[in-house]
Amino acid sequence: MIAAAMAGIFVSAAAQDVMAQPKTDFRPDETVLLYGEKLVDNTDPVVADKVTCAGFRMEESNGLTGPEEINGAGNIGNINVNARFDLYFPKKPNGQMVIVCPGGGYSIVSSYNEGVYVAEWLAERGITAAIVKYRLPNGHWEVPLADIQNTFRYCRENAGKWGVSQIGVMGFSAGGHLAVTTSLMYADAATRPDFSVFIYPVVTFDTTVTHMGTHDQLIGEENSFTGRNGKTWKEWDKAKRLYNMLEKRYSLENQVSSDNAPVFMALCSDDTTVPAENSIRLYRSLLSCKVPVEMHIYPYGGHGWGFSAEKYVGEGNDGFSYARDEFYDSLARWLEAQRNR
């Protein structure tokens, strides 16, 4: 969810308890704080009463301060020290787990459409879910990936007691960019996904086809690097080279290798927010490296349709309803195939 998802009015923690509720009674079994020992500001009412501290050391701040914000659609802004993930355990676990990166242009986290609704769908199929409320980068490009990798580390360490034997990643839009980054730039065996699902992902930082909000929130605006004011020539030259390096690094079609996990992708041809070219470039790179990939391109539905089926948003309000069952069936079949491979 990007532009449309941000249309709601954000409200403070004190004012939103009644308004900001997902259209489901499904709630997390546990919330794990990645850093710190307690919630500094419990803005998100979906957070369970049971809170655990993972105990990771925060290597870098994202520079954001103050309370989080949340609107009626469950879009959380200003996430900083409260980086966390919600755990959802199915009644009959099948051994799979998915770490989910909701989208939001790296400026919010779409915690309902691409979060709790995803977790409910997964749980119905026996799949354990971790929905990550990752720190928003605010130009600190390594921060979101650190949160997802630490989530993987915690989940790998606890997989045995949860009955989990396989852990994958799923991401939407800018969260898709984060999920692709996770899939390609893993630090070790613990942080390497066993499978990857990308839904209408931002892939490239080529400014002719990228989503500029995602680009600028992650690495910063071009002028902040290439503007000369206040810089010596040496500082200016260094900043320009850094900008070019970051654009190349986070144009993720450049980072694919034959060691990457199998991929499932889904998007719509008429997506004007994140053009289909993003996924097509990634698809070509995966093919060239012989990485197993399945891609579904639906004719219309635009961007940000996530898992907001009509049972959540009301009859006639799901612009992807014509293909939603087909999408669900394809994804369920593919996930089952990964479990059995």
C-alpha atoms as a PDB file:
ATOM      1  CA  MET A   1       0.000   0.000   0.000  1.00  0.00           C
ATOM      2  CA  ILE A   2       1.490   3.388  -0.950  1.00  0.00           C
ATOM      3  CA  ALA A   3      -0.431   6.514  -1.992  1.00  0.00           C
ATOM      4  CA  ALA A   4      -3.932   5.173  -1.432  1.00  0.00           C
ATOM      5  CA  ALA A   5      -2.959   3.535   1.814  1.00  0.00           C
ATOM      6  CA  MET A   6      -1.681   6.839   3.191  1.00  0.00           C
ATOM      7  CA  ALA A   7      -4.876   8.741   2.494  1.00  0.00           C
ATOM      8  CA  GLY A   8      -6.296   8.150   5.985  1.00  0.00           C
ATOM      9  CA  ILE A   9      -5.643  10.584   8.803  1.00  0.00           C
ATOM     10  CA  PHE A  10      -2.937   9.511  11.233  1.00  0.00           C
ATOM     11  CA  VAL A  11      -3.759   9.774  14.902  1.00  0.00           C
ATOM     12  CA  SER A  12      -1.816   9.417  18.129  1.00  0.00           C
ATOM     13  CA  ALA A  13      -1.823   6.352  20.347  1.00  0.00           C
ATOM     14  CA  ALA A  14      -4.178   7.991  22.822  1.00  0.00           C
ATOM     15  CA  ALA A  15      -6.842   8.713  20.215  1.00  0.00           C
ATOM     16  CA  GLN A  16      -6.807   5.655  17.976  1.00  0.00           C
ATOM     17  CA  ASP A  17      -7.682   2.677  20.197  1.00  0.00           C
ATOM     18  CA  VAL A  18     -11.217   2.317  18.832  1.00  0.00           C
ATOM     19  CA  MET A  19     -10.648   3.427  15.248  1.00  0.00           C
ATOM     20  CA  ALA A  20      -7.496   1.506  14.340  1.00  0.00           C
ATOM     21  CA  GLN A  21      -8.647  -2.101  14.437  1.00  0.00           C
ATOM     22  CA  PRO A  22      -8.354  -4.692  11.655  1.00  0.00           C
ATOM     23  CA  LYS A  23     -11.581  -6.119  10.276  1.00  0.00           C
ATOM     24  CA  THR A  24     -10.908  -9.488  11.877  1.00  0.00           C
ATOM     25  CA  ASP A  25     -10.779 -10.947  15.369  1.00  0.00           C
ATOM     26  CA  PHE A  26      -7.527 -12.714  14.499  1.00  0.00           C
ATOM     27  CA  ARG A  27      -4.777 -11.529  16.837  1.00  0.00           C
ATOM     28  CA  PRO A  28      -1.099 -12.403  17.372  1.00  0.00           C
ATOM     29  CA  ASP A  29      -0.080 -14.975  19.935  1.00  0.00           C
ATOM     30  CA  GLU A  30       3.091 -13.116  20.836  1.00  0.00           C
ATOM     31  CA  THR A  31       4.941  -9.906  19.998  1.00  0.00           C
ATOM     32  CA  VAL A  32       8.734  -9.920  19.938  1.00  0.00           C
ATOM     33  CA  LEU A  33      10.667  -6.678  20.418  1.00  0.00           C
ATOM     34  CA  LEU A  34      13.898  -6.784  18.452  1.00  0.00           C
ATOM     35  CA  TYR A  35      15.621  -4.128  20.591  1.00  0.00           C
ATOM     36  CA  GLY A  36      14.975  -2.856  24.106  1.00  0.00           C
ATOM     37  CA  GLU A  37      13.040  -4.402  26.929  1.00  0.00           C
ATOM     38  CA  LYS A  38       9.602  -2.789  26.649  1.00  0.00           C
ATOM     39  CA  LEU A  39       7.335  -0.954  24.247  1.00  0.00           C
ATOM     40  CA  VAL A  40       8.141   2.726  24.554  1.00  0.00           C
ATOM     41  CA  ASP A  41       4.809   3.700  23.017  1.00  0.00           C
ATOM     42  CA  ASN A  42       2.243   0.992  22.354  1.00  0.00           C
ATOM     43  CA  THR A  43       0.639   2.669  19.365  1.00  0.00           C
ATOM     44  CA  ASP A  44      -0.410  -0.506  17.591  1.00  0.00           C
ATOM     45  CA  PRO A  45      -3.485  -2.063  19.239  1.00  0.00           C
ATOM     46  CA  VAL A  46      -2.898  -5.355  17.431  1.00  0.00           C
ATOM     47  CA  VAL A  47       0.119  -6.005  19.637  1.00  0.00           C
ATOM     48  CA  ALA A  48      -0.608  -8.936  21.957  1.00  0.00           C
ATOM     49  CA  ASP A  49      -0.454  -8.682  25.736  1.00  0.00           C
ATOM     50  CA  LYS A  50       2.426 -11.131  25.684  1.00  0.00           C
ATOM     51  CA  VAL A  51       5.608  -9.280  24.736  1.00  0.00           C
ATOM     52  CA  THR A  52       9.048 -10.909  24.492  1.00  0.00           C
ATOM     53  CA  CYS A  53      12.417  -9.205  24.072  1.00  0.00           C
ATOM     54  CA  ALA A  54      14.739 -10.728  21.472  1.00  0.00           C
ATOM     55  CA  GLY A  55      17.729  -8.938  22.966  1.00  0.00           C
ATOM     56  CA  PHE A  56      19.478  -7.822  19.781  1.00  0.00           C
ATOM     57  CA  ARG A  57      21.810  -4.834  19.884  1.00  0.00           C
ATOM     58  CA  MET A  58      20.740  -1.947  17.661  1.00  0.00           C
ATOM     59  CA  GLU A  59      23.781  -1.254  15.516  1.00  0.00           C
ATOM     60  CA  GLU A  60      22.366   1.853  13.822  1.00  0.00           C
ATOM     61  CA  SER A  61      19.478   4.216  14.553  1.00  0.00           C
ATOM     62  CA  ASN A  62      17.136   5.391  11.811  1.00  0.00           C
ATOM     63  CA  GLY A  63      17.147   8.897  13.290  1.00  0.00           C
ATOM     64  CA  LEU A  64      13.400   8.965  13.943  1.00  0.00           C
ATOM     65  CA  THR A  65      12.085   9.907  17.388  1.00  0.00           C
ATOM     66  CA  GLY A  66       8.748  10.308  19.117  1.00  0.00           C
ATOM     67  CA  PRO A  67       5.641   8.114  19.159  1.00  0.00           C
ATOM     68  CA  GLU A  68       4.461   6.008  16.269  1.00  0.00           C
ATOM     69  CA  GLU A  69       1.361   6.984  14.322  1.00  0.00           C
ATOM     70  CA  ILE A  70      -1.389   4.751  12.989  1.00  0.00           C
ATOM     71  CA  ASN A  71      -4.459   5.396  10.838  1.00  0.00           C
ATOM     72  CA  GLY A  72      -7.721   3.546  10.440  1.00  0.00           C
ATOM     73  CA  ALA A  73      -6.294   1.363   7.681  1.00  0.00           C
ATOM     74  CA  GLY A  74      -3.583   0.110  10.028  1.00  0.00           C
ATOM     75  CA  ASN A  75      -0.743   1.990   8.374  1.00  0.00           C
ATOM     76  CA  ILE A  76       1.940   2.622  11.000  1.00  0.00           C
ATOM     77  CA  GLY A  77       4.329   5.551  10.631  1.00  0.00           C
ATOM     78  CA  ASN A  78       7.420   6.740  12.504  1.00  0.00           C
ATOM     79  CA  ILE A  79       8.531   3.257  13.597  1.00  0.00           C
ATOM     80  CA  ASN A  80      11.856   3.613  15.378  1.00  0.00           C
ATOM     81  CA  VAL A  81      12.989   1.943  18.641  1.00  0.00           C
ATOM     82  CA  ASN A  82       9.889  -0.298  18.726  1.00  0.00           C
ATOM     83  CA  ALA A  83      10.953  -2.492  15.806  1.00  0.00           C
ATOM     84  CA  ARG A  84       9.116  -5.775  16.406  1.00  0.00           C
ATOM     85  CA  PHE A  85       7.279  -8.685  14.878  1.00  0.00           C
ATOM     86  CA  ASP A  86       3.970 -10.336  15.694  1.00  0.00           C
ATOM     87  CA  LEU A  87       3.882 -14.119  15.799  1.00  0.00           C
ATOM     88  CA  TYR A  88       0.819 -16.090  14.694  1.00  0.00           C
ATOM     89  CA  PHE A  89       0.769 -19.828  15.360  1.00  0.00           C
ATOM     90  CA  PRO A  90      -1.700 -22.018  13.436  1.00  0.00           C
ATOM     91  CA  LYS A  91      -3.741 -24.664  15.219  1.00  0.00           C
ATOM     92  CA  LYS A  92      -2.221 -27.374  13.034  1.00  0.00           C
ATOM     93  CA  PRO A  93       1.274 -26.265  11.954  1.00  0.00           C
ATOM     94  CA  ASN A  94       2.620 -27.838   8.783  1.00  0.00           C
ATOM     95  CA  GLY A  95       6.288 -26.984   9.398  1.00  0.00           C
ATOM     96  CA  GLN A  96       6.439 -23.847   7.257  1.00  0.00           C
ATOM     97  CA  MET A  97       6.900 -20.278   8.444  1.00  0.00           C
ATOM     98  CA  VAL A  98       6.747 -16.998   6.521  1.00  0.00           C
ATOM     99  CA  ILE A  99       8.387 -13.758   7.645  1.00  0.00           C
ATOM    100  CA  VAL A 100       6.244 -10.990   6.140  1.00  0.00           C
ATOM    101  CA  CYS A 101       7.451  -7.506   5.143  1.00  0.00           C
ATOM    102  CA  PRO A 102       4.404  -5.240   4.651  1.00  0.00           C
ATOM    103  CA  GLY A 103       4.746  -2.387   2.181  1.00  0.00           C
ATOM    104  CA  GLY A 104       4.260   1.341   2.451  1.00  0.00           C
ATOM    105  CA  GLY A 105       6.946   3.099   0.411  1.00  0.00           C
ATOM    106  CA  TYR A 106       9.422   2.743   3.302  1.00  0.00           C
ATOM    107  CA  SER A 107       7.466   5.562   4.981  1.00  0.00           C
ATOM    108  CA  ILE A 108       4.725   3.471   6.652  1.00  0.00           C
ATOM    109  CA  VAL A 109       4.058  -0.211   7.338  1.00  0.00           C
ATOM    110  CA  SER A 110       0.720  -1.518   6.009  1.00  0.00           C
ATOM    111  CA  SER A 111       0.020  -3.725   8.999  1.00  0.00           C
ATOM    112  CA  TYR A 112      -3.528  -4.859   8.064  1.00  0.00           C
ATOM    113  CA  ASN A 113      -3.715  -5.265   4.273  1.00  0.00           C
ATOM    114  CA  GLU A 114      -0.218  -6.718   4.031  1.00  0.00           C
ATOM    115  CA  GLY A 115       0.094  -7.898   7.616  1.00  0.00           C
ATOM    116  CA  VAL A 116      -2.585  -9.416   9.845  1.00  0.00           C
ATOM    117  CA  TYR A 117      -4.786 -10.400   6.872  1.00  0.00           C
ATOM    118  CA  VAL A 118      -1.805 -12.247   5.386  1.00  0.00           C
ATOM    119  CA  ALA A 119      -1.163 -13.969   8.721  1.00  0.00           C
ATOM    120  CA  GLU A 120      -4.767 -15.142   8.920  1.00  0.00           C
ATOM    121  CA  TRP A 121      -4.620 -16.593   5.412  1.00  0.00           C
ATOM    122  CA  LEU A 122      -1.354 -18.375   6.220  1.00  0.00           C
ATOM    123  CA  ALA A 123      -2.621 -19.739   9.548  1.00  0.00           C
ATOM    124  CA  GLU A 124      -5.669 -21.226   7.826  1.00  0.00           C
ATOM    125  CA  ARG A 125      -3.194 -23.266   5.795  1.00  0.00           C
ATOM    126  CA  GLY A 126      -1.060 -24.364   8.735  1.00  0.00           C
ATOM    127  CA  ILE A 127       1.715 -21.841   8.140  1.00  0.00           C
ATOM    128  CA  THR A 128       3.270 -19.906  11.015  1.00  0.00           C
ATOM    129  CA  ALA A 129       3.649 -16.167  10.356  1.00  0.00           C
ATOM    130  CA  ALA A 130       5.867 -13.380  11.654  1.00  0.00           C
ATOM    131  CA  ILE A 131       4.592  -9.937  10.612  1.00  0.00           C
ATOM    132  CA  VAL A 132       7.452  -7.459  10.944  1.00  0.00           C
ATOM    133  CA  LYS A 133       6.939  -3.840  11.965  1.00  0.00           C
ATOM    134  CA  TYR A 134      10.427  -2.894  10.785  1.00  0.00           C
ATOM    135  CA  ARG A 135      12.124   0.441  11.392  1.00  0.00           C
ATOM    136  CA  LEU A 136      11.527   2.899   8.566  1.00  0.00           C
ATOM    137  CA  PRO A 137      14.848   3.798   6.934  1.00  0.00           C
ATOM    138  CA  ASN A 138      14.658   7.600   6.766  1.00  0.00           C
ATOM    139  CA  GLY A 139      17.738   7.447   4.527  1.00  0.00           C
ATOM    140  CA  HIS A 140      19.503   4.834   6.709  1.00  0.00           C
ATOM    141  CA  TRP A 141      19.562   2.153   4.033  1.00  0.00           C
ATOM    142  CA  GLU A 142      20.854  -0.763   6.111  1.00  0.00           C
ATOM    143  CA  VAL A 143      18.312  -0.442   8.940  1.00  0.00           C
ATOM    144  CA  PRO A 144      15.263  -2.314   7.504  1.00  0.00           C
ATOM    145  CA  LEU A 145      17.383  -5.251   6.335  1.00  0.00           C
ATOM    146  CA  ALA A 146      18.989  -5.496   9.784  1.00  0.00           C
ATOM    147  CA  ASP A 147      15.511  -5.847  11.321  1.00  0.00           C
ATOM    148  CA  ILE A 148      14.460  -8.608   8.922  1.00  0.00           C
ATOM    149  CA  GLN A 149      17.733 -10.481   9.333  1.00  0.00           C
ATOM    150  CA  ASN A 150      17.420 -10.304  13.119  1.00  0.00           C
ATOM    151  CA  THR A 151      13.875 -11.622  12.799  1.00  0.00           C
ATOM    152  CA  PHE A 152      15.241 -14.562  10.798  1.00  0.00           C
ATOM    153  CA  ARG A 153      17.898 -15.199  13.448  1.00  0.00           C
ATOM    154  CA  TYR A 154      15.336 -15.263  16.254  1.00  0.00           C
ATOM    155  CA  CYS A 155      12.956 -17.490  14.313  1.00  0.00           C
ATOM    156  CA  ARG A 156      15.700 -19.941  13.306  1.00  0.00           C
ATOM    157  CA  GLU A 157      16.764 -20.205  16.948  1.00  0.00           C
ATOM    158  CA  ASN A 158      13.214 -20.950  18.087  1.00  0.00           C
ATOM    159  CA  ALA A 159      12.046 -22.977  15.085  1.00  0.00           C
ATOM    160  CA  GLY A 160      12.380 -26.318  16.842  1.00  0.00           C
ATOM    161  CA  LYS A 161      10.023 -25.501  19.690  1.00  0.00           C
ATOM    162  CA  TRP A 162       7.513 -24.040  17.222  1.00  0.00           C
ATOM    163  CA  GLY A 163       7.573 -27.113  14.973  1.00  0.00           C
ATOM    164  CA  VAL A 164       9.028 -25.080  12.096  1.00  0.00           C
ATOM    165  CA  SER A 165      11.453 -26.662   9.635  1.00  0.00           C
ATOM    166  CA  GLN A 166      11.330 -24.200   6.731  1.00  0.00           C
ATOM    167  CA  ILE A 167      11.310 -20.371   6.809  1.00  0.00           C
ATOM    168  CA  GLY A 168      10.581 -18.136   3.849  1.00  0.00           C
ATOM    169  CA  VAL A 169      10.052 -14.428   3.272  1.00  0.00           C
ATOM    170  CA  MET A 170       7.146 -12.540   1.700  1.00  0.00           C
ATOM    171  CA  GLY A 171       7.014  -8.849   0.822  1.00  0.00           C
ATOM    172  CA  PHE A 172       4.717  -6.304  -0.788  1.00  0.00           C
ATOM    173  CA  SER A 173       5.676  -3.179  -2.744  1.00  0.00           C
ATOM    174  CA  ALA A 174       8.495  -1.454  -0.781  1.00  0.00           C
ATOM    175  CA  GLY A 175       8.236  -4.428   1.585  1.00  0.00           C
ATOM    176  CA  GLY A 176       8.756  -6.457  -1.585  1.00  0.00           C
ATOM    177  CA  HIS A 177      11.980  -4.537  -2.160  1.00  0.00           C
ATOM    178  CA  LEU A 178      12.972  -5.406   1.393  1.00  0.00           C
ATOM    179  CA  ALA A 179      12.034  -9.063   0.879  1.00  0.00           C
ATOM    180  CA  VAL A 180      14.052  -9.230  -2.356  1.00  0.00           C
ATOM    181  CA  THR A 181      16.982  -7.599  -0.559  1.00  0.00           C
ATOM    182  CA  THR A 182      16.644 -10.205   2.204  1.00  0.00           C
ATOM    183  CA  SER A 183      16.593 -12.996  -0.374  1.00  0.00           C
ATOM    184  CA  LEU A 184      19.685 -11.806  -2.213  1.00  0.00           C
ATOM    185  CA  MET A 185      21.845 -10.153   0.470  1.00  0.00           C
ATOM    186  CA  TYR A 186      21.674 -12.720   3.273  1.00  0.00           C
ATOM    187  CA  ALA A 187      24.538 -12.643   5.760  1.00  0.00           C
ATOM    188  CA  ASP A 188      24.735 -16.351   6.554  1.00  0.00           C
ATOM    189  CA  ALA A 189      22.747 -19.585   6.493  1.00  0.00           C
ATOM    190  CA  ALA A 190      20.459 -18.384   9.286  1.00  0.00           C
ATOM    191  CA  THR A 191      19.369 -15.286   7.343  1.00  0.00           C
ATOM    192  CA  ARG A 192      18.955 -16.999   3.966  1.00  0.00           C
ATOM    193  CA  PRO A 193      15.256 -17.635   3.180  1.00  0.00           C
ATOM    194  CA  ASP A 194      14.230 -21.129   2.116  1.00  0.00           C
ATOM    195  CA  PHE A 195      11.730 -19.620  -0.355  1.00  0.00           C
ATOM    196  CA  SER A 196      10.626 -16.125  -1.369  1.00  0.00           C
ATOM    197  CA  VAL A 197       7.299 -14.514  -2.306  1.00  0.00           C
ATOM    198  CA  PHE A 198       7.218 -11.050  -3.888  1.00  0.00           C
ATOM    199  CA  ILE A 199       3.895  -9.267  -4.451  1.00  0.00           C
ATOM    200  CA  TYR A 200       4.008  -6.209  -6.752  1.00  0.00           C
ATOM    201  CA  PRO A 201       7.576  -5.515  -5.525  1.00  0.00           C
ATOM    202  CA  VAL A 202       9.764  -2.503  -6.099  1.00  0.00           C
ATOM    203  CA  VAL A 203      12.887  -4.088  -7.578  1.00  0.00           C
ATOM    204  CA  THR A 204      14.989  -1.553  -9.421  1.00  0.00           C
ATOM    205  CA  PHE A 205      16.192   1.920  -8.451  1.00  0.00           C
ATOM    206  CA  ASP A 206      16.427   2.913 -12.105  1.00  0.00           C
ATOM    207  CA  THR A 207      14.586   6.222 -11.816  1.00  0.00           C
ATOM    208  CA  THR A 208      12.727   5.695 -15.098  1.00  0.00           C
ATOM    209  CA  VAL A 209      10.680   2.814 -13.654  1.00  0.00           C
ATOM    210  CA  THR A 210      11.176   2.724  -9.872  1.00  0.00           C
ATOM    211  CA  HIS A 211       8.803   4.051  -7.224  1.00  0.00           C
ATOM    212  CA  MET A 212      10.568   7.273  -6.259  1.00  0.00           C
ATOM    213  CA  GLY A 213       9.119   7.380  -2.756  1.00  0.00           C
ATOM    214  CA  THR A 214      10.673   3.993  -2.000  1.00  0.00           C
ATOM    215  CA  HIS A 215      13.941   5.074  -3.607  1.00  0.00           C
ATOM    216  CA  ASP A 216      14.169   8.353  -1.698  1.00  0.00           C
ATOM    217  CA  GLN A 217      13.088   6.976   1.681  1.00  0.00           C
ATOM    218  CA  LEU A 218      15.722   4.242   1.547  1.00  0.00           C
ATOM    219  CA  ILE A 219      18.804   5.998   0.195  1.00  0.00           C
ATOM    220  CA  GLY A 220      17.819   9.683   0.165  1.00  0.00           C
ATOM    221  CA  GLU A 221      16.984  12.192  -2.560  1.00  0.00           C
ATOM    222  CA  GLU A 222      19.456  12.606  -5.401  1.00  0.00           C
ATOM    223  CA  ASN A 223      20.070  16.283  -4.665  1.00  0.00           C
ATOM    224  CA  SER A 224      21.266  15.463  -1.147  1.00  0.00           C
ATOM    225  CA  PHE A 225      24.171  13.625  -2.782  1.00  0.00           C
ATOM    226  CA  THR A 226      24.748  15.533  -6.015  1.00  0.00           C
ATOM    227  CA  GLY A 227      24.102  19.091  -4.785  1.00  0.00           C
ATOM    228  CA  ARG A 228      27.352  21.050  -4.459  1.00  0.00           C
ATOM    229  CA  ASN A 229      26.309  23.636  -1.854  1.00  0.00           C
ATOM    230  CA  GLY A 230      28.402  23.469   1.319  1.00  0.00           C
ATOM    231  CA  LYS A 231      30.702  20.747  -0.013  1.00  0.00           C
ATOM    232  CA  THR A 232      34.299  20.784  -1.085  1.00  0.00           C
ATOM    233  CA  TRP A 233      34.985  19.219  -4.472  1.00  0.00           C
ATOM    234  CA  LYS A 234      36.325  16.111  -2.751  1.00  0.00           C
ATOM    235  CA  GLU A 235      33.201  15.787  -0.576  1.00  0.00           C
ATOM    236  CA  TRP A 236      30.968  16.389  -3.597  1.00  0.00           C
ATOM    237  CA  ASP A 237      32.761  13.767  -5.696  1.00  0.00           C
ATOM    238  CA  LYS A 238      32.587  11.229  -2.856  1.00  0.00           C
ATOM    239  CA  ALA A 239      28.855  11.860  -2.362  1.00  0.00           C
ATOM    240  CA  LYS A 240      28.096  11.418  -6.066  1.00  0.00           C
ATOM    241  CA  ARG A 241      30.007   8.137  -6.178  1.00  0.00           C
ATOM    242  CA  LEU A 242      28.145   6.925  -3.078  1.00  0.00           C
ATOM    243  CA  TYR A 243      24.795   7.794  -4.675  1.00  0.00           C
ATOM    244  CA  ASN A 244      25.668   5.876  -7.848  1.00  0.00           C
ATOM    245  CA  MET A 245      26.829   2.900  -5.796  1.00  0.00           C
ATOM    246  CA  LEU A 246      23.619   2.825  -3.741  1.00  0.00           C
ATOM    247  CA  GLU A 247      21.394   3.044  -6.803  1.00  0.00           C
ATOM    248  CA  LYS A 248      23.265   0.121  -8.331  1.00  0.00           C
ATOM    249  CA  ARG A 249      23.241  -1.908  -5.089  1.00  0.00           C
ATOM    250  CA  TYR A 250      19.509  -1.511  -4.538  1.00  0.00           C
ATOM    251  CA  SER A 251      18.656  -2.134  -8.172  1.00  0.00           C
ATOM    252  CA  LEU A 252      18.189  -5.706  -7.093  1.00  0.00           C
ATOM    253  CA  GLU A 253      18.083  -7.254 -10.541  1.00  0.00           C
ATOM    254  CA  ASN A 254      21.879  -6.757 -10.355  1.00  0.00           C
ATOM    255  CA  GLN A 255      22.253  -8.880  -7.207  1.00  0.00           C
ATOM    256  CA  VAL A 256      20.776 -12.252  -8.250  1.00  0.00           C
ATOM    257  CA  SER A 257      22.918 -15.380  -8.002  1.00  0.00           C
ATOM    258  CA  SER A 258      22.398 -19.072  -8.603  1.00  0.00           C
ATOM    259  CA  ASP A 259      22.324 -19.627  -4.822  1.00  0.00           C
ATOM    260  CA  ASN A 260      19.045 -17.745  -4.351  1.00  0.00           C
ATOM    261  CA  ALA A 261      15.926 -19.533  -3.099  1.00  0.00           C
ATOM    262  CA  PRO A 262      12.916 -20.346  -5.335  1.00  0.00           C
ATOM    263  CA  VAL A 263      10.633 -17.373  -6.034  1.00  0.00           C
ATOM    264  CA  PHE A 264       6.908 -16.733  -6.521  1.00  0.00           C
ATOM    265  CA  MET A 265       5.836 -13.332  -7.889  1.00  0.00           C
ATOM    266  CA  ALA A 266       2.432 -11.740  -8.508  1.00  0.00           C
ATOM    267  CA  LEU A 267       1.497  -8.324  -9.885  1.00  0.00           C
ATOM    268  CA  CYS A 268      -0.893  -6.528 -12.237  1.00  0.00           C
ATOM    269  CA  SER A 269      -0.198  -5.155 -15.700  1.00  0.00           C
ATOM    270  CA  ASP A 270      -1.977  -1.889 -14.940  1.00  0.00           C
ATOM    271  CA  ASP A 271       0.089  -1.086 -11.849  1.00  0.00           C
ATOM    272  CA  THR A 272       1.057   2.574 -12.319  1.00  0.00           C
ATOM    273  CA  THR A 273       2.620   2.918  -8.852  1.00  0.00           C
ATOM    274  CA  VAL A 274       5.254   0.208  -9.294  1.00  0.00           C
ATOM    275  CA  PRO A 275       5.442  -0.608 -13.021  1.00  0.00           C
ATOM    276  CA  ALA A 276       5.506  -4.262 -14.044  1.00  0.00           C
ATOM    277  CA  GLU A 277       8.969  -3.677 -15.489  1.00  0.00           C
ATOM    278  CA  ASN A 278      10.328  -4.011 -11.938  1.00  0.00           C
ATOM    279  CA  SER A 279       9.223  -7.633 -11.641  1.00  0.00           C
ATOM    280  CA  ILE A 280      10.065  -8.409 -15.264  1.00  0.00           C
ATOM    281  CA  ARG A 281      13.684  -7.333 -14.752  1.00  0.00           C
ATOM    282  CA  LEU A 282      13.949  -9.537 -11.679  1.00  0.00           C
ATOM    283  CA  TYR A 283      12.303 -12.442 -13.500  1.00  0.00           C
ATOM    284  CA  ARG A 284      14.866 -12.225 -16.301  1.00  0.00           C
ATOM    285  CA  SER A 285      17.755 -12.145 -13.835  1.00  0.00           C
ATOM    286  CA  LEU A 286      16.380 -15.148 -11.946  1.00  0.00           C
ATOM    287  CA  LEU A 287      16.005 -17.071 -15.203  1.00  0.00           C
ATOM    288  CA  SER A 288      19.541 -16.234 -16.290  1.00  0.00           C
ATOM    289  CA  CYS A 289      20.850 -17.608 -12.976  1.00  0.00           C
ATOM    290  CA  LYS A 290      18.600 -20.684 -13.219  1.00  0.00           C
ATOM    291  CA  VAL A 291      16.711 -19.826 -10.016  1.00  0.00           C
ATOM    292  CA  PRO A 292      13.266 -21.513 -10.003  1.00  0.00           C
ATOM    293  CA  VAL A 293      10.653 -18.774 -10.437  1.00  0.00           C
ATOM    294  CA  GLU A 294       6.901 -18.637 -11.006  1.00  0.00           C
ATOM    295  CA  MET A 295       5.365 -15.305 -11.974  1.00  0.00           C
ATOM    296  CA  HIS A 296       1.687 -14.328 -12.359  1.00  0.00           C
ATOM    297  CA  ILE A 297       0.763 -11.080 -14.113  1.00  0.00           C
ATOM    298  CA  TYR A 298      -2.946 -10.268 -13.879  1.00  0.00           C
ATOM    299  CA  PRO A 299      -4.469  -7.817 -16.381  1.00  0.00           C
ATOM    300  CA  TYR A 300      -5.883  -5.320 -13.912  1.00  0.00           C
ATOM    301  CA  GLY A 301      -6.088  -4.624 -10.208  1.00  0.00           C
ATOM    302  CA  GLY A 302      -3.504  -1.879  -9.919  1.00  0.00           C
ATOM    303  CA  HIS A 303      -1.326  -1.689  -6.848  1.00  0.00           C
ATOM    304  CA  GLY A 304      -1.720  -2.417  -3.160  1.00  0.00           C
ATOM    305  CA  TRP A 305      -4.452  -5.071  -3.307  1.00  0.00           C
ATOM    306  CA  GLY A 306      -2.614  -7.232  -0.789  1.00  0.00           C
ATOM    307  CA  PHE A 307      -4.819  -9.639   1.145  1.00  0.00           C
ATOM    308  CA  SER A 308      -7.773  -7.250   1.592  1.00  0.00           C
ATOM    309  CA  ALA A 309     -10.463  -9.630   0.377  1.00  0.00           C
ATOM    310  CA  GLU A 310     -14.127  -8.613   0.474  1.00  0.00           C
ATOM    311  CA  LYS A 311     -14.616 -10.298   3.849  1.00  0.00           C
ATOM    312  CA  TYR A 312     -12.390  -7.541   5.255  1.00  0.00           C
ATOM    313  CA  VAL A 313     -13.243  -4.537   3.088  1.00  0.00           C
ATOM    314  CA  GLY A 314     -16.856  -5.265   2.106  1.00  0.00           C
ATOM    315  CA  GLU A 315     -18.527  -6.513  -1.047  1.00  0.00           C
ATOM    316  CA  GLY A 316     -17.595  -4.533  -4.130  1.00  0.00           C
ATOM    317  CA  ASN A 317     -14.570  -2.895  -2.491  1.00  0.00           C
ATOM    318  CA  ASP A 318     -11.908  -5.348  -3.611  1.00  0.00           C
ATOM    319  CA  GLY A 319     -10.564  -4.289  -6.995  1.00  0.00           C
ATOM    320  CA  PHE A 320      -8.723  -7.583  -7.283  1.00  0.00           C
ATOM    321  CA  SER A 321     -11.721  -9.790  -6.484  1.00  0.00           C
ATOM    322  CA  TYR A 322     -11.948 -11.199 -10.033  1.00  0.00           C
ATOM    323  CA  ALA A 323      -8.572 -12.935  -9.627  1.00  0.00           C
ATOM    324  CA  ARG A 324      -8.182 -13.232  -5.869  1.00  0.00           C
ATOM    325  CA  ASP A 325      -9.224 -16.886  -5.570  1.00  0.00           C
ATOM    326  CA  GLU A 326      -6.951 -17.818  -8.449  1.00  0.00           C
ATOM    327  CA  PHE A 327      -4.074 -15.944  -6.787  1.00  0.00           C
ATOM    328  CA  TYR A 328      -4.727 -17.641  -3.442  1.00  0.00           C
ATOM    329  CA  ASP A 329      -4.913 -21.089  -5.047  1.00  0.00           C
ATOM    330  CA  SER A 330      -1.691 -20.555  -7.004  1.00  0.00           C
ATOM    331  CA  LEU A 331       0.203 -19.288  -3.986  1.00  0.00           C
ATOM    332  CA  ALA A 332      -1.085 -22.112  -1.762  1.00  0.00           C
ATOM    333  CA  ARG A 333      -0.108 -24.708  -4.376  1.00  0.00           C
ATOM    334  CA  TRP A 334       3.362 -23.181  -4.754  1.00  0.00           C
ATOM    335  CA  LEU A 335       3.956 -22.996  -0.989  1.00  0.00           C
ATOM    336  CA  GLU A 336       2.942 -26.625  -0.633  1.00  0.00           C
ATOM    337  CA  ALA A 337       5.375 -27.547  -3.409  1.00  0.00           C
ATOM    338  CA  GLN A 338       8.184 -25.787  -1.519  1.00  0.00           C
ATOM    339  CA  ARG A 339       7.327 -27.686   1.649  1.00  0.00           C
ATOM    340  CA  ASN A 340       7.602 -30.978  -0.203  1.00  0.00           C
ATOM    341  CA  ARG A 341      10.755 -30.308  -2.218  1.00  0.00           C
END
